[in-house]
Protein backbone atom coordinates (compact mmCIF):
# COMPACT_ATOMS: atom_id res chain seq x y z
CA MET A 1 54.10 92.21 159.70
CA VAL A 2 53.45 95.20 156.92
CA ASN A 3 56.02 97.44 156.25
CA HIS A 4 54.41 101.12 156.21
CA ASN A 5 56.53 104.09 154.75
CA ARG A 6 56.54 107.28 156.96
CA TRP A 7 54.49 109.02 154.48
CA GLN A 8 51.74 106.49 154.26
CA VAL A 9 51.64 106.59 158.54
CA GLY A 10 51.45 110.18 158.52
CA PHE A 11 48.88 110.31 155.85
CA VAL A 12 46.61 107.96 158.11
CA ALA A 13 47.26 110.09 161.20
CA ALA A 14 46.49 113.41 159.32
CA THR A 15 43.49 111.66 157.84
CA LEU A 16 42.37 110.88 161.41
CA VAL A 17 42.59 114.00 163.01
CA ALA A 18 40.88 115.74 160.23
CA ALA A 19 38.07 113.38 160.30
CA VAL A 20 38.02 113.99 164.16
CA LEU A 21 37.81 117.81 164.14
CA ALA A 22 35.13 117.91 161.09
CA LEU A 23 33.10 115.64 163.44
CA THR A 24 32.97 117.73 166.42
CA PRO A 25 30.54 119.65 167.22
CA ARG A 26 31.50 123.19 168.00
CA ALA A 27 30.96 124.92 171.02
CA THR A 28 29.78 128.05 170.09
CA ALA A 29 27.80 129.08 166.89
CA PRO A 30 29.06 132.03 164.87
CA PRO A 31 27.47 135.35 165.61
CA GLU A 32 24.99 136.67 163.94
CA PRO A 33 25.38 139.87 161.36
CA PRO A 34 23.39 142.93 162.88
CA THR A 35 20.02 142.98 161.00
CA GLU A 36 19.31 146.89 161.83
CA ALA A 37 21.43 149.64 161.11
CA SER A 38 21.37 150.76 164.94
CA ALA A 39 23.43 147.53 166.04
CA PHE A 40 26.44 148.81 164.15
CA GLN A 41 28.53 151.25 165.95
CA LEU A 42 30.19 153.79 163.90
CA PRO A 43 32.78 156.75 164.50
CA PRO A 44 31.29 160.13 164.82
CA GLY A 45 30.11 161.89 161.77
CA PHE A 46 29.45 158.63 159.91
CA VAL A 47 25.93 157.49 159.40
CA ILE A 48 24.53 154.17 157.93
CA GLU A 49 21.90 154.13 155.10
CA LYS A 50 20.03 151.38 153.31
CA VAL A 51 20.45 152.47 149.56
CA ALA A 52 19.21 148.66 147.89
CA ALA A 53 17.74 146.04 148.91
CA PRO A 54 15.13 143.68 147.42
CA PRO A 55 13.28 143.80 144.99
CA LEU A 56 15.82 146.25 143.85
CA VAL A 57 18.40 143.78 144.51
CA GLU A 58 18.39 139.80 145.32
CA HIS A 59 21.83 138.29 145.04
CA PRO A 60 24.66 141.25 145.50
CA MET A 61 27.69 140.34 144.39
CA MET A 62 30.19 143.07 144.56
CA ALA A 63 29.69 146.75 145.03
CA CYS A 64 31.59 149.76 144.50
CA PHE A 65 31.70 153.60 144.23
CA ASP A 66 33.00 155.51 141.27
CA GLU A 67 34.70 159.31 141.38
CA ARG A 68 31.04 160.54 141.45
CA GLY A 69 30.04 159.06 144.69
CA ARG A 70 27.55 157.04 142.79
CA LEU A 71 27.39 152.93 143.96
CA PHE A 72 27.24 150.52 141.64
CA ILE A 73 26.19 147.05 142.56
CA ALA A 74 26.90 143.94 140.59
CA GLU A 75 24.51 140.96 141.33
CA SER A 76 24.28 137.15 140.01
CA ALA A 77 21.17 135.39 139.29
CA GLY A 78 21.32 133.59 142.52
CA GLN A 79 21.55 130.06 140.72
CA ASN A 80 24.44 127.77 139.90
CA CYS A 81 25.11 126.43 136.04
CA ARG A 82 25.65 123.39 135.51
CA ARG A 83 28.97 122.36 133.77
CA ARG A 84 28.84 120.91 130.43
CA ASN A 85 31.96 118.37 128.90
């Protein structure tokens, strides 16, 4: 008979639970994001206006407004760089 420590048994049990959860199919798919401005629900007095889209911005990462209300958008190249060791 093999004598296992409690942490080893716990580790194996946690690994099995994680594997079962990872392999269990999802019951429902996540909801699709709205594609048109009319799909959004806004409070009275608010409007949605598209101000940046391809080809002007391809891979937006962050955006903010300055004190004058101007929108600044930072974008990436859309590629992952390989790490050099």
